[in-house]
Amino acid sequence: MFIYSLRASSIKFVGAVALSVVVLIALVALVPETGVSNSKAADAIGVEYVYSGIKTNEDRIMFLGQFGVSVDPAALEEEEIKIPDTFDKVYMGYNEIQRAQGLDLAKYKNKKVTRYTYKVTNYEGYEGDVYANLLVWRDKVIGGDVCSADVNGFVHGFGNHQ
């Protein structure tokens, strides 16, 4: 006959190991992607867009080209910004635009990202200046928009023009 006994310390040890495994799995699921993988998102008609591997100015221009957006080749502005830890009303509204295009800035709260601004050259039906903004973190586009410079203008996702 084989008898095995467990002491309270053994049960605590097994419980601690099990809890550690659960916490590790939760962390892996919640930590944002680093852009190493070839991340893609799809629109309503099944077209897939590549959001990762955005390292150079040419990559950013080609990224916008996926959506039919043509821009002047030189970025008008390159600025490092910090996604706030808590979103105010403006950021919540802007994040809704991101979520509508398959992105979510909430994953990048408290991260420093680079915003690139380009002048759009092919926006039809609008007389004023139009700009495209890209938010890039670790070679991955995590957000952005196409907008007008007017006070009463517009702002929308990448693929919503024309």
N, C-alpha and C. Protein backbone atom coordinates (compact mmCIF):
# COMPACT_ATOMS: atom_id res chain seq x y z
N MET A 1 0.84 -1.16 0.00
CA MET A 1 0.00 0.00 0.00
C MET A 1 0.89 1.24 0.00
N PHE A 2 0.47 2.28 -0.80
CA PHE A 2 1.23 3.51 -0.94
C PHE A 2 0.45 4.64 -0.28
N ILE A 3 1.10 5.35 0.61
CA ILE A 3 0.45 6.46 1.31
C ILE A 3 1.25 7.72 1.02
N TYR A 4 0.55 8.77 0.63
CA TYR A 4 1.19 10.05 0.38
C TYR A 4 0.48 11.09 1.23
N SER A 5 1.23 11.88 1.92
CA SER A 5 0.62 12.91 2.77
C SER A 5 1.04 14.28 2.29
N LEU A 6 0.17 15.22 2.43
CA LEU A 6 0.44 16.61 2.07
C LEU A 6 0.41 17.45 3.33
N ARG A 7 1.42 18.24 3.47
CA ARG A 7 1.43 19.19 4.57
C ARG A 7 0.84 20.51 4.07
N ALA A 8 0.45 21.34 4.95
CA ALA A 8 -0.13 22.63 4.59
C ALA A 8 0.83 23.43 3.73
N SER A 9 2.13 23.35 4.00
CA SER A 9 3.09 24.11 3.21
C SER A 9 3.15 23.59 1.77
N SER A 10 2.95 22.31 1.54
CA SER A 10 2.94 21.76 0.18
C SER A 10 1.73 22.27 -0.59
N ILE A 11 0.59 22.31 0.07
CA ILE A 11 -0.63 22.80 -0.56
C ILE A 11 -0.48 24.28 -0.91
N LYS A 12 0.11 25.05 -0.02
CA LYS A 12 0.35 26.48 -0.29
C LYS A 12 1.28 26.65 -1.48
N PHE A 13 2.32 25.81 -1.56
CA PHE A 13 3.28 25.90 -2.66
C PHE A 13 2.59 25.62 -4.00
N VAL A 14 1.81 24.56 -4.08
CA VAL A 14 1.11 24.21 -5.31
C VAL A 14 0.12 25.33 -5.68
N GLY A 15 -0.56 25.88 -4.71
CA GLY A 15 -1.49 26.99 -4.96
C GLY A 15 -0.76 28.22 -5.48
N ALA A 16 0.41 28.52 -4.90
CA ALA A 16 1.19 29.68 -5.35
C ALA A 16 1.67 29.49 -6.78
N VAL A 17 2.09 28.28 -7.14
CA VAL A 17 2.54 28.00 -8.50
C VAL A 17 1.36 28.16 -9.47
N ALA A 18 0.20 27.61 -9.12
CA ALA A 18 -0.98 27.72 -9.97
C ALA A 18 -1.39 29.18 -10.16
N LEU A 19 -1.37 29.95 -9.09
CA LEU A 19 -1.71 31.37 -9.16
C LEU A 19 -0.71 32.12 -10.04
N SER A 20 0.56 31.79 -9.93
CA SER A 20 1.59 32.42 -10.75
C SER A 20 1.36 32.15 -12.23
N VAL A 21 0.97 30.94 -12.57
CA VAL A 21 0.70 30.59 -13.96
C VAL A 21 -0.49 31.39 -14.48
N VAL A 22 -1.54 31.52 -13.68
CA VAL A 22 -2.72 32.29 -14.08
C VAL A 22 -2.35 33.76 -14.30
N VAL A 23 -1.56 34.34 -13.41
CA VAL A 23 -1.14 35.74 -13.54
C VAL A 23 -0.29 35.92 -14.79
N LEU A 24 0.61 35.00 -15.07
CA LEU A 24 1.46 35.08 -16.26
C LEU A 24 0.62 35.04 -17.53
N ILE A 25 -0.36 34.17 -17.59
CA ILE A 25 -1.24 34.09 -18.75
C ILE A 25 -2.02 35.38 -18.92
N ALA A 26 -2.51 35.94 -17.83
CA ALA A 26 -3.26 37.20 -17.89
C ALA A 26 -2.37 38.34 -18.38
N LEU A 27 -1.13 38.41 -17.93
CA LEU A 27 -0.21 39.46 -18.37
C LEU A 27 0.09 39.33 -19.86
N VAL A 28 0.32 38.14 -20.33
CA VAL A 28 0.60 37.94 -21.75
C VAL A 28 -0.59 38.39 -22.59
N ALA A 29 -1.78 38.15 -22.11
CA ALA A 29 -2.99 38.53 -22.85
C ALA A 29 -3.22 40.03 -22.83
N LEU A 30 -2.81 40.73 -21.78
CA LEU A 30 -3.11 42.15 -21.63
C LEU A 30 -2.03 43.09 -22.11
N VAL A 31 -0.78 42.64 -22.23
CA VAL A 31 0.31 43.52 -22.65
C VAL A 31 0.15 43.79 -24.14
N PRO A 32 0.27 45.08 -24.56
CA PRO A 32 0.10 45.40 -25.98
C PRO A 32 1.18 44.74 -26.83
N GLU A 33 0.84 44.52 -28.11
CA GLU A 33 1.80 43.94 -29.02
C GLU A 33 2.96 44.88 -29.22
N THR A 34 4.14 44.33 -29.47
CA THR A 34 5.34 45.14 -29.65
C THR A 34 5.59 45.49 -31.09
N GLY A 35 4.77 45.00 -32.00
CA GLY A 35 4.97 45.32 -33.41
C GLY A 35 5.92 44.36 -34.09
N VAL A 36 6.40 43.34 -33.42
CA VAL A 36 7.30 42.37 -34.00
C VAL A 36 6.57 41.51 -35.02
N SER A 37 5.35 41.15 -34.71
CA SER A 37 4.59 40.32 -35.64
C SER A 37 4.04 41.18 -36.77
N ASN A 38 3.60 40.55 -37.83
CA ASN A 38 3.03 41.25 -38.96
C ASN A 38 1.55 41.44 -38.71
N SER A 39 1.22 42.39 -37.84
CA SER A 39 -0.15 42.64 -37.42
C SER A 39 -0.98 43.18 -38.57
N LYS A 40 -2.20 42.69 -38.70
CA LYS A 40 -3.11 43.14 -39.76
C LYS A 40 -4.48 43.42 -39.17
N ALA A 41 -5.20 44.30 -39.83
CA ALA A 41 -6.60 44.55 -39.49
C ALA A 41 -7.39 44.51 -40.78
N ALA A 42 -8.65 44.18 -40.69
CA ALA A 42 -9.48 44.06 -41.90
C ALA A 42 -10.63 45.04 -41.82
N ASP A 43 -11.03 45.57 -42.98
CA ASP A 43 -12.19 46.45 -43.01
C ASP A 43 -13.45 45.64 -43.32
N ALA A 44 -14.55 46.32 -43.49
CA ALA A 44 -15.83 45.64 -43.64
C ALA A 44 -15.93 44.81 -44.91
N ILE A 45 -15.15 45.12 -45.94
CA ILE A 45 -15.23 44.35 -47.18
C ILE A 45 -14.13 43.30 -47.26
N GLY A 46 -13.42 43.08 -46.19
CA GLY A 46 -12.44 42.01 -46.14
C GLY A 46 -11.05 42.37 -46.63
N VAL A 47 -10.76 43.65 -46.88
CA VAL A 47 -9.43 44.06 -47.29
C VAL A 47 -8.56 44.14 -46.04
N GLU A 48 -7.37 43.56 -46.11
CA GLU A 48 -6.49 43.57 -44.94
C GLU A 48 -5.43 44.66 -45.09
N TYR A 49 -5.19 45.37 -44.01
CA TYR A 49 -4.19 46.44 -43.98
C TYR A 49 -3.08 46.03 -43.02
N VAL A 50 -1.85 46.34 -43.38
CA VAL A 50 -0.70 46.02 -42.55
C VAL A 50 -0.34 47.25 -41.72
N TYR A 51 -0.29 47.08 -40.40
CA TYR A 51 -0.01 48.18 -39.48
C TYR A 51 1.38 48.11 -38.87
N SER A 52 2.10 47.01 -39.02
CA SER A 52 3.42 46.87 -38.40
C SER A 52 4.52 46.97 -39.44
N GLY A 53 5.77 47.06 -38.96
CA GLY A 53 6.91 47.19 -39.85
C GLY A 53 7.04 48.58 -40.44
N ILE A 54 6.53 49.59 -39.74
CA ILE A 54 6.54 50.97 -40.21
C ILE A 54 7.77 51.66 -39.62
N LYS A 55 8.91 51.57 -40.33
CA LYS A 55 10.18 52.07 -39.80
C LYS A 55 10.65 53.36 -40.46
N THR A 56 10.34 53.55 -41.73
CA THR A 56 10.89 54.69 -42.48
C THR A 56 9.77 55.59 -42.98
N ASN A 57 10.16 56.73 -43.52
CA ASN A 57 9.21 57.65 -44.13
C ASN A 57 8.49 56.97 -45.29
N GLU A 58 9.21 56.21 -46.08
CA GLU A 58 8.59 55.49 -47.20
C GLU A 58 7.55 54.49 -46.70
N ASP A 59 7.84 53.82 -45.59
CA ASP A 59 6.87 52.89 -44.99
C ASP A 59 5.59 53.62 -44.59
N ARG A 60 5.73 54.81 -44.02
CA ARG A 60 4.56 55.57 -43.59
C ARG A 60 3.73 56.02 -44.79
N ILE A 61 4.41 56.45 -45.86
CA ILE A 61 3.70 56.87 -47.07
C ILE A 61 2.98 55.67 -47.70
N MET A 62 3.64 54.52 -47.75
CA MET A 62 3.00 53.31 -48.30
C MET A 62 1.84 52.86 -47.41
N PHE A 63 1.98 53.03 -46.09
CA PHE A 63 0.88 52.68 -45.19
C PHE A 63 -0.36 53.49 -45.54
N LEU A 64 -0.21 54.80 -45.68
CA LEU A 64 -1.36 55.64 -46.02
C LEU A 64 -1.90 55.30 -47.40
N GLY A 65 -1.02 54.91 -48.31
CA GLY A 65 -1.44 54.53 -49.66
C GLY A 65 -2.37 53.33 -49.67
N GLN A 66 -2.26 52.44 -48.67
CA GLN A 66 -3.18 51.30 -48.57
C GLN A 66 -4.63 51.75 -48.51
N PHE A 67 -4.85 52.93 -47.98
CA PHE A 67 -6.20 53.47 -47.80
C PHE A 67 -6.58 54.44 -48.92
N GLY A 68 -5.72 54.58 -49.92
CA GLY A 68 -5.99 55.50 -51.01
C GLY A 68 -5.63 56.94 -50.68
N VAL A 69 -4.85 57.15 -49.63
CA VAL A 69 -4.46 58.49 -49.22
C VAL A 69 -3.07 58.79 -49.78
N SER A 70 -2.98 59.83 -50.62
CA SER A 70 -1.69 60.28 -51.16
C SER A 70 -1.26 61.52 -50.39
N VAL A 71 0.03 61.59 -50.07
CA VAL A 71 0.53 62.71 -49.28
C VAL A 71 1.81 63.25 -49.90
N ASP A 72 2.14 64.51 -49.52
CA ASP A 72 3.47 65.04 -49.86
C ASP A 72 4.50 64.16 -49.17
N PRO A 73 5.61 63.86 -49.84
CA PRO A 73 6.57 62.90 -49.28
C PRO A 73 7.26 63.34 -47.99
N ALA A 74 7.38 64.61 -47.76
CA ALA A 74 8.05 65.07 -46.54
C ALA A 74 7.01 65.31 -45.45
N ALA A 75 7.26 64.73 -44.28
CA ALA A 75 6.37 64.96 -43.15
C ALA A 75 6.44 66.42 -42.73
N LEU A 76 5.27 67.02 -42.47
CA LEU A 76 5.24 68.40 -42.00
C LEU A 76 5.70 68.50 -40.56
N GLU A 77 5.43 67.45 -39.79
CA GLU A 77 5.76 67.47 -38.37
C GLU A 77 6.03 66.06 -37.88
N GLU A 78 7.00 65.96 -36.99
CA GLU A 78 7.30 64.71 -36.29
C GLU A 78 7.46 65.09 -34.83
N GLU A 79 6.56 64.57 -34.00
CA GLU A 79 6.54 64.98 -32.60
C GLU A 79 6.30 63.78 -31.69
N GLU A 80 7.06 63.73 -30.61
CA GLU A 80 6.83 62.69 -29.61
C GLU A 80 5.75 63.17 -28.66
N ILE A 81 4.73 62.34 -28.47
CA ILE A 81 3.65 62.67 -27.56
C ILE A 81 3.45 61.50 -26.60
N LYS A 82 2.79 61.78 -25.49
CA LYS A 82 2.51 60.74 -24.51
C LYS A 82 1.00 60.50 -24.47
N ILE A 83 0.61 59.25 -24.67
CA ILE A 83 -0.81 58.90 -24.53
C ILE A 83 -1.13 59.01 -23.05
N PRO A 84 -2.13 59.79 -22.67
CA PRO A 84 -2.39 60.00 -21.23
C PRO A 84 -2.83 58.71 -20.54
N ASP A 85 -2.59 58.70 -19.25
CA ASP A 85 -2.95 57.55 -18.41
C ASP A 85 -4.47 57.42 -18.27
N THR A 86 -5.14 58.55 -18.22
CA THR A 86 -6.61 58.56 -18.18
C THR A 86 -7.10 59.43 -19.32
N PHE A 87 -8.15 58.98 -20.00
CA PHE A 87 -8.67 59.70 -21.15
C PHE A 87 -9.74 60.70 -20.73
N ASP A 88 -9.59 61.93 -21.20
CA ASP A 88 -10.64 62.92 -21.02
C ASP A 88 -11.66 62.74 -22.16
N LYS A 89 -12.62 63.65 -22.23
CA LYS A 89 -13.69 63.55 -23.22
C LYS A 89 -13.13 63.57 -24.66
N VAL A 90 -12.13 64.40 -24.89
CA VAL A 90 -11.54 64.52 -26.22
C VAL A 90 -10.85 63.23 -26.62
N TYR A 91 -10.03 62.68 -25.73
CA TYR A 91 -9.33 61.44 -26.04
C TYR A 91 -10.31 60.27 -26.19
N MET A 92 -11.37 60.27 -25.40
CA MET A 92 -12.36 59.19 -25.53
C MET A 92 -13.02 59.25 -26.90
N GLY A 93 -13.34 60.45 -27.37
CA GLY A 93 -13.91 60.61 -28.70
C GLY A 93 -12.93 60.22 -29.80
N TYR A 94 -11.67 60.62 -29.64
CA TYR A 94 -10.65 60.28 -30.62
C TYR A 94 -10.42 58.77 -30.64
N ASN A 95 -10.46 58.14 -29.48
CA ASN A 95 -10.27 56.70 -29.43
C ASN A 95 -11.44 55.96 -30.09
N GLU A 96 -12.63 56.55 -30.10
CA GLU A 96 -13.76 55.93 -30.81
C GLU A 96 -13.48 55.89 -32.31
N ILE A 97 -12.84 56.92 -32.84
CA ILE A 97 -12.43 56.90 -34.24
C ILE A 97 -11.43 55.77 -34.47
N GLN A 98 -10.50 55.60 -33.53
CA GLN A 98 -9.50 54.53 -33.65
C GLN A 98 -10.15 53.16 -33.59
N ARG A 99 -11.07 53.00 -32.67
CA ARG A 99 -11.74 51.70 -32.51
C ARG A 99 -12.57 51.35 -33.74
N ALA A 100 -13.14 52.36 -34.39
CA ALA A 100 -13.92 52.12 -35.60
C ALA A 100 -13.05 51.60 -36.74
N GLN A 101 -11.74 51.88 -36.68
CA GLN A 101 -10.84 51.38 -37.71
C GLN A 101 -9.97 50.22 -37.21
N GLY A 102 -10.42 49.59 -36.12
CA GLY A 102 -9.76 48.38 -35.64
C GLY A 102 -8.57 48.61 -34.73
N LEU A 103 -8.40 49.82 -34.23
CA LEU A 103 -7.29 50.16 -33.34
C LEU A 103 -7.84 50.56 -31.98
N ASP A 104 -6.97 50.68 -30.98
CA ASP A 104 -7.42 51.06 -29.64
C ASP A 104 -6.26 51.69 -28.88
N LEU A 105 -6.34 52.98 -28.65
CA LEU A 105 -5.27 53.68 -27.93
C LEU A 105 -5.24 53.33 -26.45
N ALA A 106 -6.30 52.76 -25.92
CA ALA A 106 -6.34 52.40 -24.50
C ALA A 106 -5.23 51.42 -24.16
N LYS A 107 -4.80 50.62 -25.12
CA LYS A 107 -3.72 49.66 -24.89
C LYS A 107 -2.37 50.36 -24.69
N TYR A 108 -2.28 51.62 -25.07
CA TYR A 108 -1.01 52.34 -25.06
C TYR A 108 -1.00 53.51 -24.09
N LYS A 109 -1.89 53.47 -23.10
CA LYS A 109 -1.92 54.53 -22.10
C LYS A 109 -0.55 54.63 -21.43
N ASN A 110 -0.14 55.88 -21.21
CA ASN A 110 1.11 56.20 -20.53
C ASN A 110 2.35 55.83 -21.35
N LYS A 111 2.20 55.62 -22.66
CA LYS A 111 3.32 55.32 -23.54
C LYS A 111 3.67 56.55 -24.36
N LYS A 112 4.95 56.71 -24.67
CA LYS A 112 5.40 57.77 -25.57
C LYS A 112 5.38 57.23 -26.98
N VAL A 113 4.68 57.94 -27.86
CA VAL A 113 4.56 57.54 -29.26
C VAL A 113 4.99 58.72 -30.13
N THR A 114 5.23 58.44 -31.40
CA THR A 114 5.60 59.50 -32.33
C THR A 114 4.43 59.79 -33.26
N ARG A 115 4.09 61.06 -33.37
CA ARG A 115 3.04 61.48 -34.29
C ARG A 115 3.70 62.10 -35.52
N TYR A 116 3.35 61.58 -36.69
CA TYR A 116 3.82 62.11 -37.96
C TYR A 116 2.63 62.75 -38.65
N THR A 117 2.82 63.97 -39.18
CA THR A 117 1.76 64.68 -39.87
C THR A 117 2.19 64.94 -41.31
N TYR A 118 1.31 64.57 -42.25
CA TYR A 118 1.55 64.75 -43.68
C TYR A 118 0.42 65.55 -44.29
N LYS A 119 0.73 66.29 -45.36
CA LYS A 119 -0.31 67.01 -46.10
C LYS A 119 -0.87 66.06 -47.16
N VAL A 120 -2.20 65.88 -47.14
CA VAL A 120 -2.88 65.01 -48.10
C VAL A 120 -3.03 65.76 -49.42
N THR A 121 -2.72 65.07 -50.52
CA THR A 121 -2.75 65.71 -51.85
C THR A 121 -3.92 65.27 -52.71
N ASN A 122 -4.69 64.28 -52.30
CA ASN A 122 -5.75 63.76 -53.17
C ASN A 122 -7.13 63.73 -52.52
N TYR A 123 -7.39 64.64 -51.61
CA TYR A 123 -8.71 64.66 -50.96
C TYR A 123 -9.66 65.47 -51.82
N GLU A 124 -10.59 64.78 -52.48
CA GLU A 124 -11.51 65.45 -53.39
C GLU A 124 -12.76 65.94 -52.67
N GLY A 125 -13.31 67.04 -53.17
CA GLY A 125 -14.56 67.57 -52.63
C GLY A 125 -14.37 68.47 -51.42
N TYR A 126 -13.13 68.85 -51.16
CA TYR A 126 -12.87 69.75 -50.04
C TYR A 126 -11.82 70.76 -50.49
N GLU A 127 -12.07 72.03 -50.27
CA GLU A 127 -11.20 73.09 -50.76
C GLU A 127 -10.01 73.41 -49.84
N GLY A 128 -10.16 73.17 -48.55
CA GLY A 128 -9.11 73.54 -47.60
C GLY A 128 -7.99 72.50 -47.51
N ASP A 129 -7.05 72.77 -46.61
CA ASP A 129 -5.95 71.85 -46.39
C ASP A 129 -6.41 70.63 -45.59
N VAL A 130 -5.91 69.47 -45.98
CA VAL A 130 -6.24 68.21 -45.32
C VAL A 130 -4.93 67.55 -44.90
N TYR A 131 -4.92 66.98 -43.70
CA TYR A 131 -3.71 66.37 -43.16
C TYR A 131 -3.98 64.94 -42.72
N ALA A 132 -2.95 64.13 -42.78
CA ALA A 132 -3.01 62.76 -42.26
C ALA A 132 -2.04 62.68 -41.10
N ASN A 133 -2.51 62.15 -39.98
CA ASN A 133 -1.68 61.96 -38.78
C ASN A 133 -1.52 60.47 -38.52
N LEU A 134 -0.31 60.07 -38.23
CA LEU A 134 -0.02 58.68 -37.86
C LEU A 134 0.57 58.67 -36.46
N LEU A 135 0.08 57.78 -35.61
CA LEU A 135 0.66 57.55 -34.30
C LEU A 135 1.41 56.22 -34.37
N VAL A 136 2.72 56.27 -34.16
CA VAL A 136 3.58 55.09 -34.32
C VAL A 136 4.27 54.79 -33.00
N TRP A 137 4.20 53.51 -32.61
CA TRP A 137 4.87 53.03 -31.40
C TRP A 137 5.61 51.75 -31.76
N ARG A 138 6.91 51.75 -31.57
CA ARG A 138 7.75 50.57 -31.86
C ARG A 138 7.48 50.01 -33.26
N ASP A 139 7.57 50.87 -34.26
CA ASP A 139 7.43 50.49 -35.67
C ASP A 139 6.04 49.94 -36.02
N LYS A 140 5.03 50.35 -35.28
CA LYS A 140 3.67 49.91 -35.54
C LYS A 140 2.73 51.11 -35.47
N VAL A 141 1.84 51.24 -36.46
CA VAL A 141 0.82 52.30 -36.42
C VAL A 141 -0.24 51.86 -35.44
N ILE A 142 -0.42 52.67 -34.39
CA ILE A 142 -1.40 52.34 -33.35
C ILE A 142 -2.61 53.26 -33.39
N GLY A 143 -2.57 54.27 -34.26
CA GLY A 143 -3.68 55.19 -34.38
C GLY A 143 -3.39 56.24 -35.43
N GLY A 144 -4.38 57.06 -35.68
CA GLY A 144 -4.20 58.15 -36.63
C GLY A 144 -5.52 58.58 -37.23
N ASP A 145 -5.43 59.58 -38.09
CA ASP A 145 -6.63 60.15 -38.67
C ASP A 145 -6.32 60.94 -39.92
N VAL A 146 -7.38 61.32 -40.61
CA VAL A 146 -7.34 62.28 -41.70
C VAL A 146 -8.23 63.42 -41.26
N CYS A 147 -7.71 64.66 -41.32
CA CYS A 147 -8.49 65.79 -40.79
C CYS A 147 -8.26 67.04 -41.61
N SER A 148 -9.17 67.99 -41.44
CA SER A 148 -9.02 69.30 -42.06
C SER A 148 -8.41 70.25 -41.05
N ALA A 149 -7.92 71.37 -41.56
CA ALA A 149 -7.31 72.36 -40.69
C ALA A 149 -8.31 73.40 -40.19
N ASP A 150 -9.52 73.35 -40.71
CA ASP A 150 -10.54 74.34 -40.34
C ASP A 150 -11.15 74.03 -38.99
N VAL A 151 -11.59 75.09 -38.30
CA VAL A 151 -12.23 74.94 -37.00
C VAL A 151 -13.51 74.11 -37.12
N ASN A 152 -14.28 74.34 -38.16
CA ASN A 152 -15.52 73.60 -38.38
C ASN A 152 -15.32 72.46 -39.38
N GLY A 153 -14.14 71.93 -39.43
CA GLY A 153 -13.80 70.91 -40.41
C GLY A 153 -14.19 69.51 -39.96
N PHE A 154 -13.37 68.54 -40.29
CA PHE A 154 -13.69 67.13 -40.05
C PHE A 154 -12.46 66.38 -39.55
N VAL A 155 -12.71 65.24 -38.97
CA VAL A 155 -11.66 64.29 -38.61
C VAL A 155 -12.30 62.89 -38.69
N HIS A 156 -11.58 61.97 -39.34
CA HIS A 156 -12.07 60.61 -39.48
C HIS A 156 -10.90 59.66 -39.64
N GLY A 157 -11.20 58.38 -39.69
CA GLY A 157 -10.17 57.36 -39.84
C GLY A 157 -9.53 57.39 -41.21
N PHE A 158 -8.55 56.53 -41.42
CA PHE A 158 -7.79 56.51 -42.66
C PHE A 158 -8.63 56.22 -43.90
N GLY A 159 -9.53 55.27 -43.81
CA GLY A 159 -10.22 54.80 -45.00
C GLY A 159 -11.57 55.44 -45.25
N ASN A 160 -11.88 56.53 -44.61
CA ASN A 160 -13.22 57.12 -44.72
C ASN A 160 -13.30 58.30 -45.66
N HIS A 161 -12.35 58.49 -46.55
CA HIS A 161 -12.40 59.69 -47.40
C HIS A 161 -12.90 59.34 -48.79
N GLN A 162 -13.27 60.36 -49.50
CA GLN A 162 -13.75 60.34 -50.89
C GLN A 162 -14.98 59.60 -51.00
